[in-house]
C-alpha atoms as a PDB file:
ATOM      1  CA  UNK A   1     -15.872  21.654  12.219  1.00  0.00           C
ATOM      2  CA  UNK A   2     -15.038  24.458   9.366  1.00  0.00           C
ATOM      3  CA  UNK A   3     -12.299  24.366   6.803  1.00  0.00           C
ATOM      4  CA  UNK A   4      -9.510  26.951   7.722  1.00  0.00           C
ATOM      5  CA  UNK A   5      -6.765  28.318   5.833  1.00  0.00           C
ATOM      6  CA  UNK A   6      -3.668  30.176   7.219  1.00  0.00           C
ATOM      7  CA  UNK A   7      -1.153  32.867   5.725  1.00  0.00           C
ATOM      8  CA  UNK A   8       1.484  30.334   4.596  1.00  0.00           C
ATOM      9  CA  UNK A   9       0.049  29.310   1.364  1.00  0.00           C
ATOM     10  CA  UNK A  10       2.820  25.771   0.967  1.00  0.00           C
ATOM     11  CA  UNK A  11       1.136  24.663   3.948  1.00  0.00           C
ATOM     12  CA  UNK A  12      -2.131  25.288   2.996  1.00  0.00           C
ATOM     13  CA  UNK A  13      -1.367  23.401  -0.259  1.00  0.00           C
ATOM     14  CA  UNK A  14      -0.205  20.752   1.736  1.00  0.00           C
ATOM     15  CA  UNK A  15      -2.487  20.609   4.757  1.00  0.00           C
ATOM     16  CA  UNK A  16      -6.836  20.551   5.474  1.00  0.00           C
ATOM     17  CA  UNK A  17      -7.349  22.228   8.740  1.00  0.00           C
ATOM     18  CA  UNK A  18     -10.751  21.783  10.325  1.00  0.00           C
ATOM     19  CA  UNK A  19     -11.458  23.556  13.629  1.00  0.00           C
ATOM     20  CA  UNK A  20     -14.729  24.591  15.642  1.00  0.00           C
ATOM     21  CA  UNK A  21     -12.786  27.109  17.197  1.00  0.00           C
ATOM     22  CA  UNK A  22     -10.362  29.292  14.466  1.00  0.00           C
ATOM     23  CA  UNK A  23      -8.805  31.533  17.036  1.00  0.00           C
ATOM     24  CA  UNK A  24      -7.480  28.614  19.049  1.00  0.00           C
ATOM     25  CA  UNK A  25      -6.610  26.819  15.868  1.00  0.00           C
ATOM     26  CA  UNK A  26      -4.212  30.117  14.960  1.00  0.00           C
ATOM     27  CA  UNK A  27      -2.851  29.841  18.508  1.00  0.00           C
ATOM     28  CA  UNK A  28      -1.792  26.129  18.246  1.00  0.00           C
ATOM     29  CA  UNK A  29      -0.612  26.077  14.544  1.00  0.00           C
ATOM     30  CA  UNK A  30       2.084  28.764  14.866  1.00  0.00           C
ATOM     31  CA  UNK A  31       4.207  29.553  11.786  1.00  0.00           C
ATOM     32  CA  UNK A  32       6.642  27.542  13.669  1.00  0.00           C
ATOM     33  CA  UNK A  33       4.644  24.261  14.190  1.00  0.00           C
ATOM     34  CA  UNK A  34       3.808  24.528  10.686  1.00  0.00           C
ATOM     35  CA  UNK A  35       7.303  24.305   9.552  1.00  0.00           C
ATOM     36  CA  UNK A  36       7.881  21.522  11.761  1.00  0.00           C
ATOM     37  CA  UNK A  37       5.046  19.777  10.500  1.00  0.00           C
ATOM     38  CA  UNK A  38       6.240  20.542   7.030  1.00  0.00           C
ATOM     39  CA  UNK A  39       9.727  19.094   7.971  1.00  0.00           C
ATOM     40  CA  UNK A  40       8.231  15.652   8.809  1.00  0.00           C
ATOM     41  CA  UNK A  41       6.058  15.745   5.848  1.00  0.00           C
ATOM     42  CA  UNK A  42       8.847  16.095   3.731  1.00  0.00           C
ATOM     43  CA  UNK A  43      11.435  14.287   5.364  1.00  0.00           C
ATOM     44  CA  UNK A  44       9.126  11.002   5.996  1.00  0.00           C
ATOM     45  CA  UNK A  45       7.794  11.157   2.194  1.00  0.00           C
ATOM     46  CA  UNK A  46       4.251  10.613   3.016  1.00  0.00           C
ATOM     47  CA  UNK A  47       1.442  11.373   1.130  1.00  0.00           C
ATOM     48  CA  UNK A  48      -0.796  12.206   4.284  1.00  0.00           C
ATOM     49  CA  UNK A  49      -0.177  12.983   8.052  1.00  0.00           C
ATOM     50  CA  UNK A  50      -2.779  13.530  10.406  1.00  0.00           C
ATOM     51  CA  UNK A  51      -2.626  15.438  13.645  1.00  0.00           C
ATOM     52  CA  UNK A  52      -5.309  16.328  16.342  1.00  0.00           C
ATOM     53  CA  UNK A  53      -5.448  18.327  19.156  1.00  0.00           C
ATOM     54  CA  UNK A  54      -7.580  16.755  21.832  1.00  0.00           C
ATOM     55  CA  UNK A  55      -7.785  17.195  25.708  1.00  0.00           C
ATOM     56  CA  UNK A  56      -4.524  18.823  26.006  1.00  0.00           C
ATOM     57  CA  UNK A  57      -2.196  16.450  23.664  1.00  0.00           C
ATOM     58  CA  UNK A  58      -1.368  16.555  20.227  1.00  0.00           C
ATOM     59  CA  UNK A  59      -1.872  13.268  18.172  1.00  0.00           C
ATOM     60  CA  UNK A  60      -0.273  12.688  15.156  1.00  0.00           C
ATOM     61  CA  UNK A  61      -0.651   9.785  12.617  1.00  0.00           C
ATOM     62  CA  UNK A  62       1.852   8.873   9.501  1.00  0.00           C
ATOM     63  CA  UNK A  63       0.508   7.027   6.355  1.00  0.00           C
ATOM     64  CA  UNK A  64       3.541   5.634   4.771  1.00  0.00           C
ATOM     65  CA  UNK A  65       4.670   2.533   3.037  1.00  0.00           C
ATOM     66  CA  UNK A  66       7.845   2.946   4.235  1.00  0.00           C
ATOM     67  CA  UNK A  67       9.330   1.220   7.255  1.00  0.00           C
ATOM     68  CA  UNK A  68      10.193   3.987   9.286  1.00  0.00           C
ATOM     69  CA  UNK A  69      13.174   4.864  11.290  1.00  0.00           C
ATOM     70  CA  UNK A  70      14.995   1.398   9.887  1.00  0.00           C
ATOM     71  CA  UNK A  71      18.671   1.527   9.475  1.00  0.00           C
ATOM     72  CA  UNK A  72      19.174  -1.652   7.312  1.00  0.00           C
ATOM     73  CA  UNK A  73      17.097  -3.006   4.301  1.00  0.00           C
ATOM     74  CA  UNK A  74      17.845  -6.045   2.893  1.00  0.00           C
ATOM     75  CA  UNK A  75      17.412  -4.627  -0.870  1.00  0.00           C
ATOM     76  CA  UNK A  76      20.592  -2.146  -0.051  1.00  0.00           C
ATOM     77  CA  UNK A  77      24.137  -3.201   0.698  1.00  0.00           C
ATOM     78  CA  UNK A  78      25.493  -2.211   4.346  1.00  0.00           C
ATOM     79  CA  UNK A  79      28.092   0.246   2.779  1.00  0.00           C
ATOM     80  CA  UNK A  80      25.118   2.297   1.668  1.00  0.00           C
ATOM     81  CA  UNK A  81      25.608   5.487   3.779  1.00  0.00           C
ATOM     82  CA  UNK A  82      22.440   7.141   2.254  1.00  0.00           C
ATOM     83  CA  UNK A  83      19.932   4.785   4.343  1.00  0.00           C
ATOM     84  CA  UNK A  84      21.605   6.322   7.957  1.00  0.00           C
ATOM     85  CA  UNK A  85      21.322   9.783   6.812  1.00  0.00           C
ATOM     86  CA  UNK A  86      17.681   9.153   6.070  1.00  0.00           C
ATOM     87  CA  UNK A  87      16.902   7.446   9.300  1.00  0.00           C
ATOM     88  CA  UNK A  88      18.710  10.448  11.223  1.00  0.00           C
ATOM     89  CA  UNK A  89      16.712  13.061   9.163  1.00  0.00           C
ATOM     90  CA  UNK A  90      13.520  11.226  10.256  1.00  0.00           C
ATOM     91  CA  UNK A  91      14.260  11.032  13.881  1.00  0.00           C
ATOM     92  CA  UNK A  92      15.206  14.288  13.910  1.00  0.00           C
ATOM     93  CA  UNK A  93      12.420  16.257  11.836  1.00  0.00           C
ATOM     94  CA  UNK A  94      10.099  14.249  14.759  1.00  0.00           C
ATOM     95  CA  UNK A  95      12.575  15.362  17.490  1.00  0.00           C
ATOM     96  CA  UNK A  96      12.646  18.896  16.578  1.00  0.00           C
ATOM     97  CA  UNK A  97       8.407  18.899  16.666  1.00  0.00           C
ATOM     98  CA  UNK A  98       8.832  17.553  20.317  1.00  0.00           C
ATOM     99  CA  UNK A  99      11.478  19.952  21.854  1.00  0.00           C
ATOM    100  CA  UNK A 100       9.393  23.044  20.058  1.00  0.00           C
ATOM    101  CA  UNK A 101       6.152  21.215  22.081  1.00  0.00           C
ATOM    102  CA  UNK A 102       7.522  20.838  25.290  1.00  0.00           C
ATOM    103  CA  UNK A 103       5.147  22.586  27.851  1.00  0.00           C
ATOM    104  CA  UNK A 104       7.354  23.995  30.326  1.00  0.00           C
ATOM    105  CA  UNK A 105       9.415  25.958  27.134  1.00  0.00           C
ATOM    106  CA  UNK A 106       6.331  27.339  24.370  1.00  0.00           C
ATOM    107  CA  UNK A 107       2.901  26.555  25.715  1.00  0.00           C
END
């Protein structure tokens, strides 16, 4: 596979794309899709996120030390309203990508 770069400089700085079919990669990685992946990366605060298209499926792996989607933490008081907002942002960013990729709507 060869390394492919896109017009989006921000995306190129954060992600490396490898493909054996550059035309198909550009078809799948639309500006909207790149934005959704970027949103997941920034809202989940991960150093690495992996995505692969294989056999008409999208696989995503998120490498993080955080306990994702957890509404309560023993180290924080329950009155801390920041944590539910963070969890909402995490779920919302993933849901946006799922909504975008619904086969009957876009692909």
